[in-house]
Amino acid sequence: MTKTTFLFFVFQFFIAVGLSQSLTGKVVGIMDGDSFKLLTLDSTLVRVRLANIDCPEKKQPFSAKATQFTADAIFGKMVTISIQKTDRYQRYISNVTYNDSLSLCHELVKNGLAWHYVTYSKDKTLQALEDKAKAAKVGLWKDLKPIAPWEWRSSQRKKKVK
């Protein structure tokens, strides 16, 4: 069993029994606006997916801007992740704090580069930030009809079935 696999199972246990887990490390890769790779203090490489939000997919408008925002905010920096759970891809679904106190999820939504993912979150702060960004037509809210990533993914799957 590799060190990464062992840590994954340990974190799964902590999450299953309701104990939150935090990790600190250096961001060494940006996958897209809402996922990245973290090298922990003990040199374990983990994949992280931001909790409660969803950034545009790679072929959607504002995807590159969301990815660039995330890169500018955290690449090469030390961050702390608060793990909520793991997903089917063994990524840690987490809230991310950087620059001592900034929430990456909040900053992405505030700048109109992510949706509050209400299916999985009831975070009132994220909803307020999204509402404010919409009203100000910031980022993706400049589009007349922005398509949420989960709707876009669904439409792409339907296209493949035809």
Protein backbone atom coordinates (compact mmCIF):
# COMPACT_ATOMS: atom_id res chain seq x y z
CA MET A 1 0.00 0.00 0.00
CA THR A 2 1.41 3.37 -0.97
CA LYS A 3 1.68 6.26 1.42
CA THR A 4 -0.96 8.19 -0.54
CA THR A 5 -3.40 5.26 -0.42
CA PHE A 6 -2.81 4.83 3.30
CA LEU A 7 -3.44 8.53 3.97
CA PHE A 8 -6.57 8.40 1.84
CA PHE A 9 -7.99 5.60 4.00
CA VAL A 10 -6.99 7.38 7.21
CA PHE A 11 -8.78 10.55 6.09
CA GLN A 12 -11.80 8.50 4.99
CA PHE A 13 -11.98 7.11 8.52
CA PHE A 14 -11.77 10.56 10.14
CA ILE A 15 -14.44 11.91 7.85
CA ALA A 16 -16.68 8.87 8.40
CA VAL A 17 -16.62 9.34 12.16
CA GLY A 18 -17.29 13.06 11.81
CA LEU A 19 -13.86 14.42 12.61
CA SER A 20 -12.76 17.20 10.30
CA GLN A 21 -9.24 17.06 9.01
CA SER A 22 -6.99 19.88 7.87
CA LEU A 23 -3.83 19.72 5.83
CA THR A 24 -1.28 22.36 4.98
CA GLY A 25 0.92 22.24 1.95
CA LYS A 26 2.23 23.91 -1.17
CA VAL A 27 0.09 24.11 -4.31
CA VAL A 28 2.13 22.48 -7.08
CA GLY A 29 -0.43 22.13 -9.86
CA ILE A 30 -3.63 23.77 -11.04
CA MET A 31 -6.03 21.43 -12.83
CA ASP A 32 -8.80 23.95 -13.45
CA GLY A 33 -10.64 26.69 -11.57
CA ASP A 34 -11.85 24.42 -8.81
CA SER A 35 -9.21 21.70 -8.49
CA PHE A 36 -5.49 21.53 -7.86
CA LYS A 37 -2.62 19.40 -6.55
CA LEU A 38 -1.20 19.95 -3.08
CA LEU A 39 2.16 18.75 -1.80
CA THR A 40 1.67 18.28 1.93
CA LEU A 41 4.27 19.00 4.58
CA ASP A 42 5.12 15.29 4.69
CA SER A 43 5.69 15.31 0.89
CA THR A 44 2.46 13.52 -0.03
CA LEU A 45 0.81 14.67 -3.25
CA VAL A 46 -2.96 14.98 -2.94
CA ARG A 47 -5.67 16.18 -5.29
CA VAL A 48 -8.11 18.79 -4.01
CA ARG A 49 -11.54 19.81 -5.32
CA LEU A 50 -13.11 22.97 -3.92
CA ALA A 51 -16.24 22.39 -1.85
CA ASN A 52 -19.60 24.06 -2.42
CA ILE A 53 -18.78 25.73 -5.75
CA ASP A 54 -18.43 24.81 -9.41
CA CYS A 55 -16.29 26.69 -11.91
CA PRO A 56 -16.96 26.66 -15.66
CA GLU A 57 -15.78 23.57 -17.53
CA LYS A 58 -12.78 23.77 -19.86
CA LYS A 59 -14.81 24.45 -23.02
CA GLN A 60 -17.14 26.95 -21.34
CA PRO A 61 -16.78 30.73 -21.30
CA PHE A 62 -14.79 32.01 -18.30
CA SER A 63 -13.09 28.65 -17.69
CA ALA A 64 -9.65 30.02 -18.53
CA LYS A 65 -10.26 33.09 -16.38
CA ALA A 66 -11.32 30.94 -13.41
CA THR A 67 -8.26 28.73 -13.85
CA GLN A 68 -5.98 31.77 -14.10
CA PHE A 69 -7.58 33.33 -11.02
CA THR A 70 -6.95 30.15 -9.02
CA ALA A 71 -3.37 29.94 -10.30
CA ASP A 72 -2.67 33.58 -9.44
CA ALA A 73 -4.24 33.15 -6.00
CA ILE A 74 -2.60 29.92 -4.82
CA PHE A 75 -0.02 28.39 -7.19
CA GLY A 76 3.31 27.96 -5.43
CA LYS A 77 1.82 29.14 -2.13
CA MET A 78 1.21 27.46 1.17
CA VAL A 79 -2.49 26.85 1.78
CA THR A 80 -4.61 25.06 4.34
CA ILE A 81 -7.39 22.76 3.27
CA SER A 82 -10.27 21.74 5.52
CA ILE A 83 -11.42 18.39 4.20
CA GLN A 84 -15.18 17.83 4.13
CA LYS A 85 -15.12 14.47 2.36
CA THR A 86 -13.54 12.61 -0.53
CA ASP A 87 -15.10 12.01 -3.92
CA ARG A 88 -15.13 9.01 -6.20
CA TYR A 89 -11.86 10.21 -7.77
CA GLN A 90 -10.14 10.23 -4.34
CA ARG A 91 -9.93 14.01 -4.32
CA TYR A 92 -10.34 15.84 -1.05
CA ILE A 93 -13.44 18.00 -1.24
CA SER A 94 -12.25 20.96 0.78
CA ASN A 95 -12.49 24.56 1.75
CA VAL A 96 -9.20 26.31 1.05
CA THR A 97 -7.64 29.16 2.97
CA TYR A 98 -4.75 31.16 1.53
CA ASN A 99 -2.90 34.37 2.38
CA ASP A 100 -3.72 33.65 6.03
CA SER A 101 -7.45 34.33 5.85
CA LEU A 102 -8.88 34.35 2.32
CA SER A 103 -11.32 31.65 1.25
CA LEU A 104 -10.66 30.55 -2.32
CA CYS A 105 -14.31 29.51 -2.76
CA HIS A 106 -15.54 32.90 -1.60
CA GLU A 107 -13.09 34.76 -3.82
CA LEU A 108 -14.03 32.80 -6.94
CA VAL A 109 -17.75 33.35 -6.40
CA LYS A 110 -17.28 37.01 -5.47
CA ASN A 111 -15.36 37.59 -8.72
CA GLY A 112 -18.02 35.89 -10.83
CA LEU A 113 -15.85 32.90 -11.71
CA ALA A 114 -17.86 30.15 -10.02
CA TRP A 115 -21.39 29.19 -9.13
CA HIS A 116 -22.52 28.41 -5.62
CA TYR A 117 -23.29 24.69 -5.98
CA VAL A 118 -26.59 24.71 -4.09
CA THR A 119 -27.23 21.00 -4.70
CA TYR A 120 -24.38 20.26 -2.29
CA SER A 121 -24.24 23.44 -0.22
CA LYS A 122 -26.52 25.63 1.81
CA ASP A 123 -23.75 28.14 2.59
CA LYS A 124 -25.53 31.48 2.98
CA THR A 125 -22.29 33.45 2.55
CA LEU A 126 -21.61 31.85 -0.83
CA GLN A 127 -25.19 32.51 -1.92
CA ALA A 128 -24.95 36.16 -0.88
CA LEU A 129 -21.66 36.54 -2.77
CA GLU A 130 -23.18 34.97 -5.88
CA ASP A 131 -26.27 37.19 -5.66
CA LYS A 132 -24.07 40.28 -5.36
CA ALA A 133 -21.86 39.22 -8.31
CA LYS A 134 -24.97 38.56 -10.44
CA ALA A 135 -26.45 41.95 -9.60
CA ALA A 136 -23.17 43.68 -10.49
CA LYS A 137 -22.75 41.53 -13.65
CA VAL A 138 -19.26 40.52 -12.60
CA GLY A 139 -17.34 37.83 -14.49
CA LEU A 140 -19.52 35.09 -15.98
CA TRP A 141 -22.62 37.06 -14.99
CA LYS A 142 -21.83 39.41 -17.89
CA ASP A 143 -23.18 36.69 -20.20
CA LEU A 144 -26.85 37.02 -21.04
CA LYS A 145 -27.49 33.34 -20.33
CA PRO A 146 -24.62 31.75 -18.41
CA ILE A 147 -24.89 27.98 -18.26
CA ALA A 148 -24.07 26.33 -14.95
CA PRO A 149 -21.32 23.70 -15.29
CA TRP A 150 -23.54 20.85 -14.06
CA GLU A 151 -26.13 21.73 -16.76
CA TRP A 152 -23.37 22.02 -19.38
CA ARG A 153 -21.97 18.58 -18.42
CA SER A 154 -25.45 17.08 -18.64
CA SER A 155 -25.98 18.53 -22.13
CA GLN A 156 -22.59 17.16 -23.24
CA ARG A 157 -23.52 13.67 -22.03
CA LYS A 158 -26.82 13.86 -23.93
CA LYS A 159 -24.96 14.84 -27.10
CA LYS A 160 -22.75 11.75 -26.80
CA VAL A 161 -25.75 9.45 -26.42
CA LYS A 162 -27.34 10.64 -29.69
